[in-house]
Amino acid sequence: MATNKEIRRLKIKFRIRKNISGTSERPRMTVFRSNRQIYAQIINDLTGKTLVSASSIRFDNKTKIEQAKEVGALMAEKALSIGIEQVVFDRNGYLYHGRVKSLADGAREKGLKF
């Protein structure tokens, strides 16, 4: 059974996804946060394909905030290498602070535009 916190996040997620979708010119960058790791994907919603993905599994010796920043930088490098310069940021119902914000900042620093 889902807790109130999970239900709240899902409501926010559906409210966000109602207005955001990724196209081939500007795909959607989505974030998933677990207790230990953070994952990110760049998705073209028109074709339903994941174009780029990264996770913090390889950065285990750092703090969670530093891991998120590294994942954002890695996502930006991968996206720029395949020709993606602009994305739509989907925070997936999570509040925009802490690890989610750190991931976005890391991607922006490497040249990805939101």
C-alpha atoms as a PDB file:
ATOM      1  CA  MET A   1       0.000   0.000   0.000  1.00  0.00           C
ATOM      2  CA  ALA A   2       1.274   3.443  -0.884  1.00  0.00           C
ATOM      3  CA  THR A   3       1.986   5.943   1.848  1.00  0.00           C
ATOM      4  CA  ASN A   4       0.635   9.482   1.877  1.00  0.00           C
ATOM      5  CA  LYS A   5       4.049  10.768   0.797  1.00  0.00           C
ATOM      6  CA  GLU A   6       4.096   8.457  -2.247  1.00  0.00           C
ATOM      7  CA  ILE A   7       0.526   9.342  -3.186  1.00  0.00           C
ATOM      8  CA  ARG A   8       1.365  13.054  -2.946  1.00  0.00           C
ATOM      9  CA  ARG A   9       4.411  12.615  -5.198  1.00  0.00           C
ATOM     10  CA  LEU A  10       2.383  10.655  -7.761  1.00  0.00           C
ATOM     11  CA  LYS A  11      -0.287  13.382  -7.870  1.00  0.00           C
ATOM     12  CA  ILE A  12       2.399  16.008  -8.454  1.00  0.00           C
ATOM     13  CA  LYS A  13       4.038  13.761 -11.076  1.00  0.00           C
ATOM     14  CA  PHE A  14       0.810  13.376 -13.056  1.00  0.00           C
ATOM     15  CA  ARG A  15       0.129  17.098 -12.821  1.00  0.00           C
ATOM     16  CA  ILE A  16       3.600  17.846 -14.243  1.00  0.00           C
ATOM     17  CA  ARG A  17       3.435  15.184 -16.975  1.00  0.00           C
ATOM     18  CA  LYS A  18       0.099  16.575 -18.151  1.00  0.00           C
ATOM     19  CA  ASN A  19       1.973  19.648 -19.412  1.00  0.00           C
ATOM     20  CA  ILE A  20       5.442  18.288 -20.258  1.00  0.00           C
ATOM     21  CA  SER A  21       6.397  15.968 -23.087  1.00  0.00           C
ATOM     22  CA  GLY A  22       9.619  15.377 -24.961  1.00  0.00           C
ATOM     23  CA  THR A  23       9.987  15.827 -28.697  1.00  0.00           C
ATOM     24  CA  SER A  24      12.825  14.964 -31.041  1.00  0.00           C
ATOM     25  CA  GLU A  25      14.079  18.578 -30.960  1.00  0.00           C
ATOM     26  CA  ARG A  26      13.687  18.928 -27.199  1.00  0.00           C
ATOM     27  CA  PRO A  27      13.494  15.575 -25.377  1.00  0.00           C
ATOM     28  CA  ARG A  28      12.459  15.151 -21.763  1.00  0.00           C
ATOM     29  CA  MET A  29      15.088  14.635 -19.059  1.00  0.00           C
ATOM     30  CA  THR A  30      13.568  12.752 -16.148  1.00  0.00           C
ATOM     31  CA  VAL A  31      14.990  12.030 -12.707  1.00  0.00           C
ATOM     32  CA  PHE A  32      14.410   9.076 -10.374  1.00  0.00           C
ATOM     33  CA  ARG A  33      15.650   9.202  -6.820  1.00  0.00           C
ATOM     34  CA  SER A  34      15.991   6.183  -4.561  1.00  0.00           C
ATOM     35  CA  ASN A  35      17.325   6.237  -1.021  1.00  0.00           C
ATOM     36  CA  ARG A  36      20.874   5.424  -2.135  1.00  0.00           C
ATOM     37  CA  GLN A  37      21.131   6.291  -5.845  1.00  0.00           C
ATOM     38  CA  ILE A  38      19.904   8.803  -8.405  1.00  0.00           C
ATOM     39  CA  TYR A  39      19.097   7.987 -12.018  1.00  0.00           C
ATOM     40  CA  ALA A  40      18.419  10.195 -15.038  1.00  0.00           C
ATOM     41  CA  GLN A  41      17.158   9.523 -18.555  1.00  0.00           C
ATOM     42  CA  ILE A  42      16.600  11.583 -21.670  1.00  0.00           C
ATOM     43  CA  ILE A  43      13.456  10.355 -23.417  1.00  0.00           C
ATOM     44  CA  ASN A  44      11.811  11.134 -26.756  1.00  0.00           C
ATOM     45  CA  ASP A  45       8.112  10.756 -25.902  1.00  0.00           C
ATOM     46  CA  LEU A  46       6.968  10.737 -29.530  1.00  0.00           C
ATOM     47  CA  THR A  47       8.802   7.474 -30.245  1.00  0.00           C
ATOM     48  CA  GLY A  48       8.898   6.212 -26.660  1.00  0.00           C
ATOM     49  CA  LYS A  49      12.666   5.687 -26.774  1.00  0.00           C
ATOM     50  CA  THR A  50      15.285   6.382 -24.123  1.00  0.00           C
ATOM     51  CA  LEU A  51      18.118   8.251 -25.824  1.00  0.00           C
ATOM     52  CA  VAL A  52      20.595   8.626 -22.935  1.00  0.00           C
ATOM     53  CA  SER A  53      20.711   7.343 -19.371  1.00  0.00           C
ATOM     54  CA  ALA A  54      23.057   7.595 -16.395  1.00  0.00           C
ATOM     55  CA  SER A  55      23.113   6.604 -12.746  1.00  0.00           C
ATOM     56  CA  SER A  56      25.124   7.265  -9.623  1.00  0.00           C
ATOM     57  CA  ILE A  57      26.122   3.631  -9.094  1.00  0.00           C
ATOM     58  CA  ARG A  58      29.669   4.279 -10.264  1.00  0.00           C
ATOM     59  CA  PHE A  59      30.123   7.274  -7.932  1.00  0.00           C
ATOM     60  CA  ASP A  60      29.635   5.452  -4.607  1.00  0.00           C
ATOM     61  CA  ASN A  61      32.548   7.045  -2.731  1.00  0.00           C
ATOM     62  CA  LYS A  62      30.984  10.550  -2.723  1.00  0.00           C
ATOM     63  CA  THR A  63      28.101  12.198  -0.930  1.00  0.00           C
ATOM     64  CA  LYS A  64      24.649  12.005  -2.489  1.00  0.00           C
ATOM     65  CA  ILE A  65      24.728  15.661  -3.575  1.00  0.00           C
ATOM     66  CA  GLU A  66      28.115  15.180  -5.268  1.00  0.00           C
ATOM     67  CA  GLN A  67      26.861  11.980  -6.914  1.00  0.00           C
ATOM     68  CA  ALA A  68      23.856  13.830  -8.324  1.00  0.00           C
ATOM     69  CA  LYS A  69      26.067  16.595  -9.720  1.00  0.00           C
ATOM     70  CA  GLU A  70      28.331  13.993 -11.382  1.00  0.00           C
ATOM     71  CA  VAL A  71      25.294  12.249 -12.916  1.00  0.00           C
ATOM     72  CA  GLY A  72      24.076  15.582 -14.300  1.00  0.00           C
ATOM     73  CA  ALA A  73      27.480  16.298 -15.817  1.00  0.00           C
ATOM     74  CA  LEU A  74      27.647  12.801 -17.294  1.00  0.00           C
ATOM     75  CA  MET A  75      24.152  13.187 -18.766  1.00  0.00           C
ATOM     76  CA  ALA A  76      25.114  16.501 -20.364  1.00  0.00           C
ATOM     77  CA  GLU A  77      28.281  15.026 -21.897  1.00  0.00           C
ATOM     78  CA  LYS A  78      26.375  12.047 -23.315  1.00  0.00           C
ATOM     79  CA  ALA A  79      23.549  14.246 -24.631  1.00  0.00           C
ATOM     80  CA  LEU A  80      25.902  16.728 -26.282  1.00  0.00           C
ATOM     81  CA  SER A  81      27.829  13.869 -27.909  1.00  0.00           C
ATOM     82  CA  ILE A  82      24.681  12.684 -29.720  1.00  0.00           C
ATOM     83  CA  GLY A  83      23.597  16.216 -30.657  1.00  0.00           C
ATOM     84  CA  ILE A  84      21.056  17.076 -27.949  1.00  0.00           C
ATOM     85  CA  GLU A  85      21.557  20.627 -26.655  1.00  0.00           C
ATOM     86  CA  GLN A  86      18.147  21.441 -25.142  1.00  0.00           C
ATOM     87  CA  VAL A  87      15.904  19.337 -22.932  1.00  0.00           C
ATOM     88  CA  VAL A  88      12.705  19.712 -20.940  1.00  0.00           C
ATOM     89  CA  PHE A  89      13.417  18.959 -17.261  1.00  0.00           C
ATOM     90  CA  ASP A  90      10.976  16.571 -15.565  1.00  0.00           C
ATOM     91  CA  ARG A  91      11.599  16.440 -11.821  1.00  0.00           C
ATOM     92  CA  ASN A  92       9.210  13.483 -11.623  1.00  0.00           C
ATOM     93  CA  GLY A  93       7.198  14.814  -8.677  1.00  0.00           C
ATOM     94  CA  TYR A  94      10.221  15.445  -6.461  1.00  0.00           C
ATOM     95  CA  LEU A  95      10.788  18.857  -4.954  1.00  0.00           C
ATOM     96  CA  TYR A  96      13.372  20.956  -6.803  1.00  0.00           C
ATOM     97  CA  HIS A  97      16.059  21.093  -4.122  1.00  0.00           C
ATOM     98  CA  GLY A  98      18.838  18.886  -2.817  1.00  0.00           C
ATOM     99  CA  ARG A  99      19.824  16.068  -5.147  1.00  0.00           C
ATOM    100  CA  VAL A 100      17.391  16.979  -7.933  1.00  0.00           C
ATOM    101  CA  LYS A 101      18.671  20.552  -8.036  1.00  0.00           C
ATOM    102  CA  SER A 102      22.273  19.363  -7.882  1.00  0.00           C
ATOM    103  CA  LEU A 103      21.706  17.070 -10.874  1.00  0.00           C
ATOM    104  CA  ALA A 104      20.185  19.930 -12.866  1.00  0.00           C
ATOM    105  CA  ASP A 105      23.037  22.278 -11.931  1.00  0.00           C
ATOM    106  CA  GLY A 106      25.626  19.692 -12.986  1.00  0.00           C
ATOM    107  CA  ALA A 107      23.953  19.299 -16.373  1.00  0.00           C
ATOM    108  CA  ARG A 108      23.713  23.075 -16.873  1.00  0.00           C
ATOM    109  CA  GLU A 109      27.392  23.563 -16.023  1.00  0.00           C
ATOM    110  CA  LYS A 110      28.391  21.134 -18.773  1.00  0.00           C
ATOM    111  CA  GLY A 111      26.315  23.029 -21.366  1.00  0.00           C
ATOM    112  CA  LEU A 112      22.875  21.399 -21.431  1.00  0.00           C
ATOM    113  CA  LYS A 113      20.045  23.956 -21.721  1.00  0.00           C
ATOM    114  CA  PHE A 114      16.699  23.588 -19.935  1.00  0.00           C
END
